[in-house]
N, C-alpha and C. Protein backbone atom coordinates (compact mmCIF):
# COMPACT_ATOMS: atom_id res chain seq x y z
N MET A 1 -25.76 6.24 -26.24
CA MET A 1 -24.91 6.81 -25.32
C MET A 1 -24.66 5.89 -24.11
N LYS A 2 -25.81 5.72 -23.23
CA LYS A 2 -26.28 5.10 -21.85
C LYS A 2 -25.52 3.54 -22.41
N LYS A 3 -25.94 3.44 -23.41
CA LYS A 3 -25.65 1.55 -23.82
C LYS A 3 -24.25 1.61 -23.92
N PHE A 4 -23.67 2.47 -25.01
CA PHE A 4 -22.47 2.67 -25.30
C PHE A 4 -21.34 2.59 -24.01
N LEU A 5 -21.50 3.88 -22.95
CA LEU A 5 -21.12 3.53 -21.29
C LEU A 5 -21.12 2.51 -20.72
N ALA A 6 -22.20 1.75 -20.70
CA ALA A 6 -22.21 0.64 -19.59
C ALA A 6 -21.72 -0.74 -20.18
N ILE A 7 -21.29 -0.92 -21.58
CA ILE A 7 -20.64 -1.82 -22.31
C ILE A 7 -19.68 -1.19 -21.90
N SER A 8 -18.61 -0.25 -22.16
CA SER A 8 -17.48 0.32 -21.57
C SER A 8 -17.25 0.07 -20.18
N VAL A 9 -17.69 0.50 -19.15
CA VAL A 9 -17.47 -0.05 -17.69
C VAL A 9 -17.41 -1.13 -17.55
N LEU A 10 -18.49 -2.35 -17.89
CA LEU A 10 -18.14 -3.81 -18.34
C LEU A 10 -17.09 -4.27 -18.76
N VAL A 11 -16.31 -3.70 -20.06
CA VAL A 11 -15.00 -3.74 -20.04
C VAL A 11 -13.69 -3.90 -19.67
N LEU A 12 -14.26 -2.26 -18.97
CA LEU A 12 -13.17 -2.43 -18.29
C LEU A 12 -12.95 -2.99 -16.60
N ALA A 13 -14.05 -3.16 -16.34
CA ALA A 13 -14.42 -4.19 -15.10
C ALA A 13 -13.69 -5.65 -15.10
N PHE A 14 -14.16 -5.90 -16.27
CA PHE A 14 -13.55 -7.29 -16.73
C PHE A 14 -12.17 -7.82 -17.14
N ALA A 15 -11.60 -6.25 -17.55
CA ALA A 15 -10.14 -6.32 -17.59
C ALA A 15 -9.15 -5.77 -16.18
N ALA A 16 -9.79 -5.42 -15.39
CA ALA A 16 -9.67 -5.32 -13.70
C ALA A 16 -9.53 -6.88 -13.82
N SER A 17 -10.71 -7.14 -13.55
CA SER A 17 -10.93 -8.91 -12.65
C SER A 17 -9.99 -9.90 -13.10
N ALA A 18 -9.65 -9.68 -14.74
CA ALA A 18 -8.73 -10.85 -15.46
C ALA A 18 -7.30 -10.54 -14.81
N HIS A 19 -6.89 -9.02 -14.77
CA HIS A 19 -5.57 -8.26 -14.08
C HIS A 19 -5.42 -9.27 -12.96
N ALA A 20 -6.55 -9.32 -12.18
CA ALA A 20 -6.33 -9.60 -10.85
C ALA A 20 -5.96 -11.33 -10.55
N ASP A 21 -6.58 -11.93 -11.64
CA ASP A 21 -6.81 -13.48 -11.59
C ASP A 21 -5.38 -13.92 -11.23
N THR A 22 -4.17 -13.12 -12.24
CA THR A 22 -2.78 -13.35 -12.13
C THR A 22 -1.94 -12.16 -11.81
N VAL A 23 -1.07 -12.52 -11.28
CA VAL A 23 -0.20 -11.39 -10.79
C VAL A 23 1.38 -11.77 -11.26
N HIS A 24 2.45 -10.92 -10.81
CA HIS A 24 3.54 -10.78 -11.24
C HIS A 24 4.39 -10.55 -9.35
N LEU A 25 4.61 -11.27 -9.29
CA LEU A 25 5.40 -11.55 -7.90
C LEU A 25 6.98 -11.13 -8.30
N ARG A 26 7.81 -10.71 -7.10
CA ARG A 26 8.95 -10.58 -7.52
C ARG A 26 9.42 -10.56 -5.90
N TYR A 27 9.95 -11.72 -5.26
CA TYR A 27 10.61 -11.95 -3.85
C TYR A 27 11.38 -10.48 -3.59
N LEU A 28 11.20 -9.82 -2.77
CA LEU A 28 12.46 -9.31 -1.94
C LEU A 28 13.16 -9.08 -1.29
N HIS A 29 13.03 -9.72 -0.20
CA HIS A 29 13.93 -10.40 1.08
C HIS A 29 13.17 -10.82 1.87
N PRO A 30 13.60 -11.84 2.79
CA PRO A 30 12.63 -12.33 4.54
C PRO A 30 13.08 -11.50 5.09
N GLY A 31 11.82 -12.00 6.10
CA GLY A 31 12.24 -10.90 7.67
C GLY A 31 13.41 -11.44 8.19
N GLU A 32 12.94 -11.34 9.55
CA GLU A 32 14.38 -11.83 10.54
C GLU A 32 13.86 -13.47 11.51
N ASN A 33 12.79 -13.44 11.20
CA ASN A 33 12.25 -15.21 11.64
C ASN A 33 13.11 -16.37 11.28
N VAL A 34 13.58 -17.07 11.77
CA VAL A 34 14.10 -18.68 11.12
C VAL A 34 14.44 -19.30 12.20
N SER A 35 13.76 -20.81 11.62
CA SER A 35 13.36 -21.65 12.44
C SER A 35 14.47 -22.53 11.62
N GLY A 36 15.20 -23.72 12.51
CA GLY A 36 16.28 -24.91 12.00
C GLY A 36 16.92 -24.82 10.76
N GLY A 37 16.89 -23.42 11.05
CA GLY A 37 17.95 -22.84 9.52
C GLY A 37 17.32 -22.43 8.56
N TYR A 38 16.09 -22.32 8.67
CA TYR A 38 14.98 -21.82 7.52
C TYR A 38 14.22 -20.65 7.48
N TYR A 39 14.27 -19.44 6.40
CA TYR A 39 13.56 -18.44 7.30
C TYR A 39 11.53 -18.54 7.17
N THR A 40 11.60 -18.11 8.04
CA THR A 40 9.85 -18.30 7.65
C THR A 40 9.24 -16.77 8.03
N TYR A 41 7.90 -16.70 7.85
CA TYR A 41 7.34 -15.60 7.78
C TYR A 41 7.73 -14.68 8.46
N PRO A 42 8.00 -13.83 7.92
CA PRO A 42 6.93 -12.77 6.56
C PRO A 42 7.86 -13.20 5.75
N TYR A 43 7.83 -13.46 4.79
CA TYR A 43 8.40 -13.04 3.29
C TYR A 43 8.24 -11.84 2.50
N TYR A 44 8.72 -10.99 2.23
CA TYR A 44 8.57 -9.84 1.65
C TYR A 44 8.79 -9.76 -0.17
N PHE A 45 7.20 -9.51 -0.67
CA PHE A 45 7.64 -9.60 -2.08
C PHE A 45 6.64 -8.19 -2.53
N SER A 46 7.32 -7.89 -3.79
CA SER A 46 6.30 -7.25 -4.61
C SER A 46 5.20 -7.53 -5.78
N ILE A 47 4.29 -7.36 -5.82
CA ILE A 47 3.26 -7.51 -6.46
C ILE A 47 2.55 -6.94 -7.09
N ASN A 48 3.10 -6.84 -8.47
CA ASN A 48 2.70 -5.94 -9.67
C ASN A 48 3.08 -4.97 -9.49
N GLY A 49 4.75 -4.94 -9.08
CA GLY A 49 5.53 -4.05 -8.79
C GLY A 49 5.51 -3.10 -7.62
N GLY A 50 4.38 -3.27 -7.23
CA GLY A 50 4.10 -2.15 -6.03
C GLY A 50 5.38 -2.54 -4.83
N THR A 51 4.33 -2.28 -3.16
CA THR A 51 5.42 -1.54 -2.27
C THR A 51 5.72 -3.57 -1.37
N ALA A 52 5.94 -3.61 -0.93
CA ALA A 52 6.93 -4.80 0.11
C ALA A 52 5.02 -5.32 0.89
N THR A 53 4.58 -6.41 0.75
CA THR A 53 3.71 -7.36 1.07
C THR A 53 4.47 -8.37 1.92
N PRO A 54 3.77 -8.43 3.11
CA PRO A 54 4.40 -9.73 3.78
C PRO A 54 3.15 -11.29 3.61
N LEU A 55 4.01 -12.16 3.12
CA LEU A 55 3.44 -13.17 2.44
C LEU A 55 3.75 -14.68 3.40
N MET A 56 3.20 -15.72 3.58
CA MET A 56 3.45 -16.91 4.24
C MET A 56 3.90 -17.80 3.14
N CYS A 57 5.15 -18.66 3.65
CA CYS A 57 4.95 -19.83 2.35
C CYS A 57 4.25 -20.82 2.95
N ASP A 58 3.64 -22.14 2.03
CA ASP A 58 3.51 -23.08 2.30
C ASP A 58 3.90 -24.44 1.84
N ALA A 59 4.69 -23.79 1.07
CA ALA A 59 5.37 -24.94 0.13
C ALA A 59 6.66 -25.22 0.59
N PHE A 60 7.14 -26.42 1.98
CA PHE A 60 8.90 -26.61 2.21
C PHE A 60 9.45 -26.81 1.24
N THR A 61 9.16 -27.99 0.28
CA THR A 61 9.85 -28.06 -0.82
C THR A 61 10.28 -27.84 -2.89
N ASN A 62 9.61 -26.53 -2.33
CA ASN A 62 9.98 -25.71 -3.27
C ASN A 62 10.95 -24.95 -3.06
N HIS A 63 11.11 -24.00 -3.93
CA HIS A 63 12.31 -23.12 -3.54
C HIS A 63 12.82 -21.83 -4.27
N ILE A 64 13.17 -20.52 -3.88
CA ILE A 64 13.04 -19.43 -4.37
C ILE A 64 14.36 -18.83 -3.73
N ALA A 65 14.90 -17.52 -4.33
CA ALA A 65 16.02 -16.72 -4.30
C ALA A 65 15.69 -15.80 -4.06
N VAL A 66 16.08 -14.49 -3.40
CA VAL A 66 16.08 -13.17 -3.65
C VAL A 66 16.12 -12.67 -4.58
N GLY A 67 15.41 -12.06 -4.79
CA GLY A 67 15.48 -11.22 -6.36
C GLY A 67 15.02 -12.33 -7.34
N ASP A 68 14.09 -13.26 -7.73
CA ASP A 68 13.67 -14.12 -8.17
C ASP A 68 12.35 -13.34 -8.72
N SER A 69 11.78 -13.37 -9.84
CA SER A 69 9.93 -13.05 -9.87
C SER A 69 9.78 -14.11 -10.74
N TRP A 70 8.13 -14.13 -10.81
CA TRP A 70 7.93 -15.24 -11.53
C TRP A 70 5.70 -14.76 -11.69
N SER A 71 5.23 -15.25 -12.53
CA SER A 71 3.68 -15.24 -12.43
C SER A 71 2.80 -16.03 -11.74
N ALA A 72 2.01 -15.63 -10.68
CA ALA A 72 1.04 -17.17 -9.80
C ALA A 72 -0.52 -16.83 -10.00
N HIS A 73 -1.16 -17.82 -9.93
CA HIS A 73 -1.87 -17.00 -10.10
C HIS A 73 -2.93 -17.14 -8.66
N VAL A 74 -3.73 -16.08 -8.36
CA VAL A 74 -4.45 -16.03 -7.35
C VAL A 74 -5.99 -16.25 -7.59
N SER A 75 -5.69 -17.07 -5.96
CA SER A 75 -7.29 -18.00 -5.92
C SER A 75 -7.28 -17.92 -4.09
N GLY A 76 -9.14 -18.05 -4.06
CA GLY A 76 -9.15 -17.86 -2.87
C GLY A 76 -8.72 -19.12 -1.98
N LEU A 77 -8.67 -19.20 -0.69
CA LEU A 77 -7.59 -20.35 -0.02
C LEU A 77 -8.39 -21.53 -0.13
N LEU A 78 -9.66 -21.59 -0.23
CA LEU A 78 -10.26 -22.77 -0.45
C LEU A 78 -10.83 -22.73 -1.97
N SER A 79 -10.41 -22.21 -2.56
CA SER A 79 -11.10 -22.69 -4.06
C SER A 79 -10.67 -24.21 -4.64
N GLY A 80 -9.56 -24.73 -4.21
CA GLY A 80 -9.18 -26.25 -4.72
C GLY A 80 -8.49 -26.05 -6.01
N LYS A 81 -7.68 -24.38 -5.94
CA LYS A 81 -6.84 -24.09 -7.18
C LYS A 81 -5.68 -24.10 -6.76
N GLY A 82 -5.24 -24.55 -5.18
CA GLY A 82 -3.92 -24.00 -5.28
C GLY A 82 -2.62 -25.47 -5.97
N LEU A 83 -1.52 -25.49 -4.97
CA LEU A 83 -0.54 -25.58 -5.64
C LEU A 83 -0.88 -27.78 -4.79
N PHE A 84 -1.58 -27.21 -4.01
CA PHE A 84 -2.16 -28.74 -3.50
C PHE A 84 -3.40 -29.80 -3.76
N GLY A 85 -3.83 -28.76 -4.38
CA GLY A 85 -5.38 -28.80 -5.38
C GLY A 85 -5.94 -29.21 -4.23
N THR A 86 -6.86 -29.93 -3.95
CA THR A 86 -8.47 -30.02 -2.97
C THR A 86 -8.13 -30.36 -1.52
N ASP A 87 -6.80 -30.21 -1.07
CA ASP A 87 -6.56 -30.83 0.20
C ASP A 87 -7.01 -29.61 1.11
N ILE A 88 -8.52 -29.50 1.32
CA ILE A 88 -9.36 -28.30 1.81
C ILE A 88 -8.89 -28.09 2.92
N GLN A 89 -9.00 -29.48 3.44
CA GLN A 89 -8.86 -29.46 5.20
C GLN A 89 -7.68 -28.45 5.66
N ASP A 90 -6.53 -28.95 4.73
CA ASP A 90 -5.05 -28.61 5.24
C ASP A 90 -5.68 -27.24 4.48
N TYR A 91 -5.82 -26.27 3.66
CA TYR A 91 -5.79 -25.65 3.33
C TYR A 91 -6.81 -24.68 4.46
N LYS A 92 -8.06 -24.79 5.14
CA LYS A 92 -8.36 -24.75 6.08
C LYS A 92 -7.19 -24.30 7.21
N ALA A 93 -6.78 -25.41 7.57
CA ALA A 93 -5.81 -25.70 8.76
C ALA A 93 -4.29 -24.44 9.04
N ALA A 94 -4.74 -24.01 7.62
CA ALA A 94 -3.25 -23.13 7.07
C ALA A 94 -4.29 -21.86 7.17
N GLY A 95 -4.79 -21.61 7.11
CA GLY A 95 -5.40 -20.18 7.11
C GLY A 95 -6.47 -20.17 8.18
N ILE A 96 -6.59 -21.12 8.85
CA ILE A 96 -6.51 -20.78 10.80
C ILE A 96 -4.95 -20.32 11.33
N ILE A 97 -4.36 -21.30 11.17
CA ILE A 97 -2.93 -21.09 11.40
C ILE A 97 -2.33 -19.87 10.89
N PHE A 98 -2.31 -19.19 9.78
CA PHE A 98 -2.07 -17.99 9.51
C PHE A 98 -2.80 -16.91 9.96
N ASN A 99 -4.16 -16.58 10.08
CA ASN A 99 -4.87 -16.03 11.24
C ASN A 99 -4.34 -15.81 12.52
N GLY A 100 -4.21 -16.86 12.81
CA GLY A 100 -3.55 -16.92 14.44
C GLY A 100 -2.43 -16.37 14.36
N VAL A 101 -1.31 -16.08 13.39
CA VAL A 101 -0.05 -15.52 13.07
C VAL A 101 -0.15 -13.73 13.41
N MET A 102 -1.01 -13.67 12.35
CA MET A 102 -2.13 -12.54 12.05
C MET A 102 -2.06 -11.72 13.08
N ASN A 103 -2.60 -12.32 14.07
CA ASN A 103 -3.08 -11.37 15.04
C ASN A 103 -2.47 -11.71 16.22
N GLY A 104 -0.92 -12.33 16.00
CA GLY A 104 -0.87 -12.48 17.52
C GLY A 104 -0.38 -13.15 18.48
N THR A 105 -1.61 -14.20 18.05
CA THR A 105 -1.80 -15.68 19.28
C THR A 105 -1.06 -17.03 18.90
N ILE A 106 0.04 -16.76 17.84
CA ILE A 106 0.57 -17.77 17.17
C ILE A 106 2.07 -17.61 17.16
N ASP A 107 3.00 -17.96 17.57
CA ASP A 107 4.66 -17.67 17.40
C ASP A 107 4.60 -17.65 15.53
N ALA A 108 5.12 -16.47 15.05
CA ALA A 108 5.28 -16.87 13.37
C ALA A 108 6.13 -17.80 13.16
N LYS A 109 7.19 -18.04 13.39
CA LYS A 109 7.96 -18.95 13.32
C LYS A 109 7.52 -20.69 13.85
N ILE A 110 6.57 -20.76 14.74
CA ILE A 110 6.22 -21.96 14.94
C ILE A 110 4.99 -22.29 13.83
N GLY A 111 4.04 -21.24 13.46
CA GLY A 111 3.33 -20.87 12.57
C GLY A 111 3.23 -21.49 11.02
N ASN A 112 5.01 -20.98 10.72
CA ASN A 112 4.75 -21.15 9.34
C ASN A 112 5.16 -22.61 9.00
N VAL A 113 6.60 -22.95 10.17
CA VAL A 113 6.57 -24.27 10.29
C VAL A 113 5.42 -25.23 10.02
N ALA A 114 4.36 -24.95 10.95
CA ALA A 114 3.45 -25.83 11.22
C ALA A 114 2.22 -26.13 9.85
N VAL A 115 2.36 -24.73 8.89
CA VAL A 115 1.78 -24.43 7.64
C VAL A 115 2.62 -25.14 7.28
N TRP A 116 3.67 -25.80 6.77
CA TRP A 116 4.83 -26.30 5.60
C TRP A 116 4.19 -27.94 6.26
N ASN A 117 4.25 -28.25 7.23
CA ASN A 117 4.29 -29.67 7.49
C ASN A 117 2.54 -30.21 7.40
N LEU A 118 1.78 -30.05 7.02
CA LEU A 118 0.11 -29.20 6.76
C LEU A 118 0.75 -30.44 5.00
N PHE A 119 1.46 -29.83 5.06
CA PHE A 119 1.11 -30.49 3.17
C PHE A 119 2.71 -31.05 2.92
N ASP A 120 3.53 -31.05 3.75
CA ASP A 120 4.33 -31.76 3.66
C ASP A 120 4.98 -32.63 5.04
N ARG A 121 4.41 -33.30 5.20
CA ARG A 121 4.08 -34.16 6.55
C ARG A 121 5.51 -34.93 6.70
N GLY A 122 5.98 -34.61 8.31
CA GLY A 122 6.67 -35.47 8.49
C GLY A 122 8.47 -34.74 8.74
N ILE A 123 8.35 -33.38 8.04
CA ILE A 123 9.36 -32.50 7.93
C ILE A 123 10.18 -31.87 9.31
N THR A 124 9.08 -32.36 10.42
CA THR A 124 9.94 -32.02 11.76
C THR A 124 8.76 -32.83 12.46
N THR A 125 9.35 -32.96 13.80
CA THR A 125 8.83 -33.86 15.26
C THR A 125 9.33 -33.18 16.39
N ASP A 126 8.80 -31.24 15.89
CA ASP A 126 8.72 -30.57 17.10
C ASP A 126 7.33 -30.24 17.75
N ALA A 127 7.47 -31.07 19.06
CA ALA A 127 6.11 -31.24 19.47
C ALA A 127 5.35 -30.22 19.58
N ALA A 128 5.78 -28.70 19.63
CA ALA A 128 4.66 -27.55 19.45
C ALA A 128 4.06 -27.25 18.25
N VAL A 129 4.99 -27.88 17.24
CA VAL A 129 4.29 -27.69 16.13
C VAL A 129 3.59 -28.61 15.53
N LEU A 130 3.82 -29.59 15.81
CA LEU A 130 2.53 -31.40 15.94
C LEU A 130 1.33 -30.67 16.22
N ALA A 131 1.43 -30.18 17.51
CA ALA A 131 0.21 -30.17 18.14
C ALA A 131 -0.36 -29.21 17.90
N LEU A 132 0.27 -27.66 17.63
CA LEU A 132 -0.88 -27.07 16.29
C LEU A 132 -1.23 -27.34 15.25
N ASP A 133 -0.62 -27.93 14.51
CA ASP A 133 -1.16 -28.84 13.48
C ASP A 133 -2.49 -29.51 13.90
N GLY A 134 -2.47 -30.12 15.23
CA GLY A 134 -3.24 -30.96 15.62
C GLY A 134 -4.62 -30.30 16.00
N SER A 135 -4.22 -29.39 16.76
CA SER A 135 -5.44 -28.67 17.14
C SER A 135 -5.97 -27.81 15.54
N ALA A 136 -5.87 -27.20 14.65
CA ALA A 136 -6.02 -26.97 14.11
C ALA A 136 -6.44 -26.99 12.67
N LEU A 137 -6.01 -28.71 12.56
CA LEU A 137 -7.07 -29.25 11.81
C LEU A 137 -8.28 -30.00 12.14
N LEU A 138 -8.58 -29.79 13.63
CA LEU A 138 -9.29 -30.24 14.59
C LEU A 138 -10.08 -29.13 14.46
N LEU A 139 -10.06 -27.72 14.58
CA LEU A 139 -10.71 -26.43 14.47
C LEU A 139 -11.59 -26.29 12.64
N ALA A 140 -10.45 -26.84 11.84
CA ALA A 140 -11.08 -26.74 10.69
C ALA A 140 -12.52 -27.56 10.16
N GLN A 141 -12.34 -28.87 10.99
CA GLN A 141 -13.47 -30.06 10.53
C GLN A 141 -14.85 -28.81 10.78
N HIS A 142 -15.04 -27.77 11.32
CA HIS A 142 -16.22 -27.30 11.88
C HIS A 142 -15.89 -25.57 11.49
N ALA A 143 -15.05 -25.40 10.87
CA ALA A 143 -14.83 -24.05 11.15
C ALA A 143 -15.69 -23.56 9.54
N PRO A 144 -16.58 -22.42 9.38
CA PRO A 144 -17.28 -21.87 8.27
C PRO A 144 -15.99 -21.34 6.96
N SER A 145 -16.86 -21.44 6.01
CA SER A 145 -16.17 -20.88 5.24
C SER A 145 -15.80 -19.33 5.19
N GLY A 146 -16.87 -18.66 5.37
CA GLY A 146 -16.49 -17.11 5.99
C GLY A 146 -15.26 -16.64 6.75
N GLU A 147 -14.95 -17.80 7.85
CA GLU A 147 -13.65 -17.30 8.42
C GLU A 147 -12.58 -16.94 7.86
N PHE A 148 -12.48 -17.93 6.34
CA PHE A 148 -11.37 -17.25 5.87
C PHE A 148 -11.56 -16.98 4.42
N LYS A 149 -12.44 -15.64 4.18
CA LYS A 149 -13.00 -14.36 3.58
C LYS A 149 -11.71 -13.58 3.65
N GLY A 150 -11.38 -13.37 2.98
CA GLY A 150 -9.86 -12.34 2.49
C GLY A 150 -8.53 -12.85 2.48
N LEU A 151 -8.97 -14.03 2.40
CA LEU A 151 -7.64 -15.25 2.51
C LEU A 151 -7.07 -15.94 0.71
N VAL A 152 -6.06 -15.25 0.23
CA VAL A 152 -5.81 -15.82 -0.70
C VAL A 152 -4.42 -17.01 -0.93
N LEU A 153 -4.61 -17.38 -2.20
CA LEU A 153 -3.08 -17.91 -2.28
C LEU A 153 -2.39 -17.64 -3.48
N TYR A 154 -1.02 -17.32 -3.89
CA TYR A 154 -0.53 -16.90 -4.49
C TYR A 154 -0.26 -18.04 -5.06
N THR A 155 -0.39 -18.92 -6.45
CA THR A 155 0.08 -20.35 -6.90
C THR A 155 0.86 -20.26 -7.74
N PRO A 156 2.14 -20.29 -8.21
CA PRO A 156 3.14 -19.97 -9.25
C PRO A 156 2.53 -21.26 -10.42
N VAL A 157 2.44 -19.89 -11.54
CA VAL A 157 1.65 -20.50 -12.83
C VAL A 157 2.54 -22.01 -12.83
N GLY A 158 2.12 -22.59 -13.53
CA GLY A 158 3.03 -24.29 -14.09
C GLY A 158 3.83 -24.88 -12.75
N GLY A 159 3.72 -24.75 -11.80
CA GLY A 159 3.78 -25.09 -10.60
C GLY A 159 3.43 -26.32 -10.28
N SER A 160 4.42 -27.21 -9.27
CA SER A 160 3.70 -28.20 -9.15
C SER A 160 4.66 -28.33 -7.18
N PRO A 161 4.54 -29.43 -6.56
CA PRO A 161 4.71 -29.55 -5.28
C PRO A 161 6.04 -29.92 -5.59
N GLY A 162 7.41 -29.18 -4.95
CA GLY A 162 8.23 -30.10 -5.34
C GLY A 162 9.25 -29.13 -6.94
N ILE A 163 8.32 -28.72 -7.53
CA ILE A 163 8.75 -27.94 -8.79
C ILE A 163 8.57 -26.36 -8.72
N GLY A 164 9.35 -25.72 -9.07
CA GLY A 164 8.97 -24.25 -9.57
C GLY A 164 9.28 -23.81 -7.77
N PRO A 165 8.90 -22.39 -8.28
CA PRO A 165 8.63 -21.49 -7.02
C PRO A 165 7.50 -22.27 -5.79
N GLN A 166 7.83 -21.40 -4.63
CA GLN A 166 6.77 -21.77 -3.41
C GLN A 166 5.27 -20.84 -3.79
N GLU A 167 4.80 -21.63 -2.94
CA GLU A 167 3.24 -20.99 -2.93
C GLU A 167 2.97 -20.61 -1.95
N PHE A 168 2.09 -19.09 -1.48
CA PHE A 168 2.77 -18.25 -0.31
C PHE A 168 0.69 -18.12 -0.30
N ILE A 169 0.40 -17.79 0.92
CA ILE A 169 -1.20 -17.22 1.43
C ILE A 169 -0.94 -16.12 2.07
N GLY A 170 -1.50 -15.03 1.98
CA GLY A 170 -1.90 -13.93 1.83
C GLY A 170 -3.23 -13.00 2.19
N TYR A 171 -3.29 -11.63 2.18
CA TYR A 171 -4.41 -11.19 1.99
C TYR A 171 -4.94 -11.20 0.93
N GLN A 172 -6.29 -10.66 0.29
CA GLN A 172 -6.73 -10.33 -0.91
C GLN A 172 -6.12 -8.62 -1.48
N ALA A 173 -5.42 -8.69 -2.02
CA ALA A 173 -4.22 -7.39 -2.30
C ALA A 173 -5.26 -6.29 -3.06
N VAL A 174 -4.94 -4.98 -2.12
CA VAL A 174 -6.03 -4.37 -2.89
C VAL A 174 -4.97 -3.01 -3.57
N PRO A 175 -5.84 -3.05 -5.01
CA PRO A 175 -5.24 -2.72 -6.18
C PRO A 175 -4.19 -1.41 -5.79
N GLU A 176 -3.45 -1.40 -6.47
CA GLU A 176 -2.21 -0.13 -6.03
C GLU A 176 -2.69 0.95 -6.65
N PRO A 177 -2.63 2.14 -5.89
CA PRO A 177 -3.26 3.52 -6.08
C PRO A 177 -3.15 3.68 -7.95
N SER A 178 -1.77 3.51 -8.60
CA SER A 178 -1.42 3.74 -9.59
C SER A 178 -2.64 3.00 -11.36
N SER A 179 -2.81 1.78 -10.49
CA SER A 179 -3.86 0.67 -11.02
C SER A 179 -5.26 1.80 -11.45
N LEU A 180 -5.62 2.00 -10.07
CA LEU A 180 -6.36 2.79 -10.09
C LEU A 180 -7.05 4.31 -10.24
N VAL A 181 -5.94 4.57 -10.95
CA VAL A 181 -5.98 5.92 -11.29
C VAL A 181 -5.90 5.89 -13.17
N PHE A 182 -5.13 4.71 -13.55
CA PHE A 182 -4.96 4.32 -14.91
C PHE A 182 -6.56 3.97 -15.19
N PHE A 183 -7.76 3.31 -14.29
CA PHE A 183 -8.78 3.03 -14.91
C PHE A 183 -9.64 4.09 -14.83
N GLY A 184 -9.36 4.36 -13.66
CA GLY A 184 -10.54 5.72 -13.76
C GLY A 184 -9.80 6.68 -14.97
N THR A 185 -8.77 6.83 -15.17
CA THR A 185 -8.45 8.29 -16.58
C THR A 185 -9.32 7.38 -17.29
N GLY A 186 -9.05 6.06 -17.70
CA GLY A 186 -9.50 5.59 -19.06
C GLY A 186 -10.80 5.30 -18.80
N LEU A 187 -11.56 5.45 -17.85
CA LEU A 187 -13.24 5.79 -17.77
C LEU A 187 -13.46 6.68 -18.32
N LEU A 188 -13.04 8.07 -17.44
CA LEU A 188 -13.11 9.69 -17.68
C LEU A 188 -13.27 9.88 -19.80
N GLY A 189 -12.01 9.46 -19.82
CA GLY A 189 -11.40 9.42 -21.33
C GLY A 189 -12.68 8.76 -22.49
N ILE A 190 -13.59 7.45 -22.01
CA ILE A 190 -14.49 7.21 -22.59
C ILE A 190 -15.55 7.66 -22.41
N ILE A 191 -16.03 8.39 -21.46
CA ILE A 191 -17.45 9.19 -20.94
C ILE A 191 -16.90 10.22 -21.72
N VAL A 192 -15.59 11.17 -22.34
CA VAL A 192 -15.71 12.25 -22.47
C VAL A 192 -15.82 12.21 -24.06
N ILE A 193 -15.30 10.72 -24.47
CA ILE A 193 -15.34 11.04 -26.29
C ILE A 193 -17.12 10.31 -26.55
N ALA A 194 -17.76 9.54 -25.29
CA ALA A 194 -18.82 9.53 -25.67
C ALA A 194 -19.80 10.39 -25.75
N ARG A 195 -19.81 11.33 -25.24
CA ARG A 195 -20.47 12.47 -25.20
C ARG A 195 -20.12 13.41 -25.83
N LYS A 196 -18.81 13.97 -26.16
CA LYS A 196 -18.33 14.68 -28.01
C LYS A 196 -19.27 14.12 -29.29
N ARG A 197 -19.54 12.45 -29.23
CA ARG A 197 -20.18 11.40 -30.29
C ARG A 197 -21.24 11.84 -29.78
N PHE A 198 -22.01 12.35 -29.38
CA PHE A 198 -23.04 12.21 -28.65
C PHE A 198 -23.48 13.57 -29.11
N ALA A 199 -22.77 14.69 -29.00
CA ALA A 199 -23.28 16.03 -28.79
C ALA A 199 -23.25 16.29 -30.21
N VAL A 200 -22.45 16.41 -31.42
CA VAL A 200 -21.87 16.00 -32.61
C VAL A 200 -23.33 15.16 -33.12
N ALA A 201 -23.55 14.13 -32.88
CA ALA A 201 -24.98 13.26 -33.66
C ALA A 201 -26.08 14.20 -33.23
N VAL A 202 -26.29 15.13 -32.05
CA VAL A 202 -26.84 16.00 -31.80
C VAL A 202 -27.70 16.65 -32.84
């Protein structure tokens, strides 16, 4: 019985992990921040049917519209699996800027345009944006990987720069309560069935 239970737990854990590697995004609406005629952070999404989650776009030349939905791979910010591949220094700089926006030390509009400019160089000549990119890239050279823990990329399945939906930066999503209930109920069911079978066998 113990072996059966251990295998069942591993299967459930694997299923939960595999489920977390790809999510379904639905674009609900932008926030109120606009720069140069473009909405900037925050963009609100439903992730796997959950409540509105704010994310930051990093792909200026990709486009989406309210109501669009698609599947996205979820990977660590420094995984090398993003839309822009192994541009780790740029992703590090983007993470530094994103964290600055989150803690209120960087203006969201300037921060988001600076992130766009990291991956699509030349989209702006704004001095504040260029200065922010320069300082973030300098910091990125010596920033330890641990500084980016919890930051993830939502990369559109089948997307590439300029093609498909945009890529977004956010924090690792916490499983929805309904998902936890589902997996918990499944695990309890397995335990009950295993106990009954064990009791009958005895």
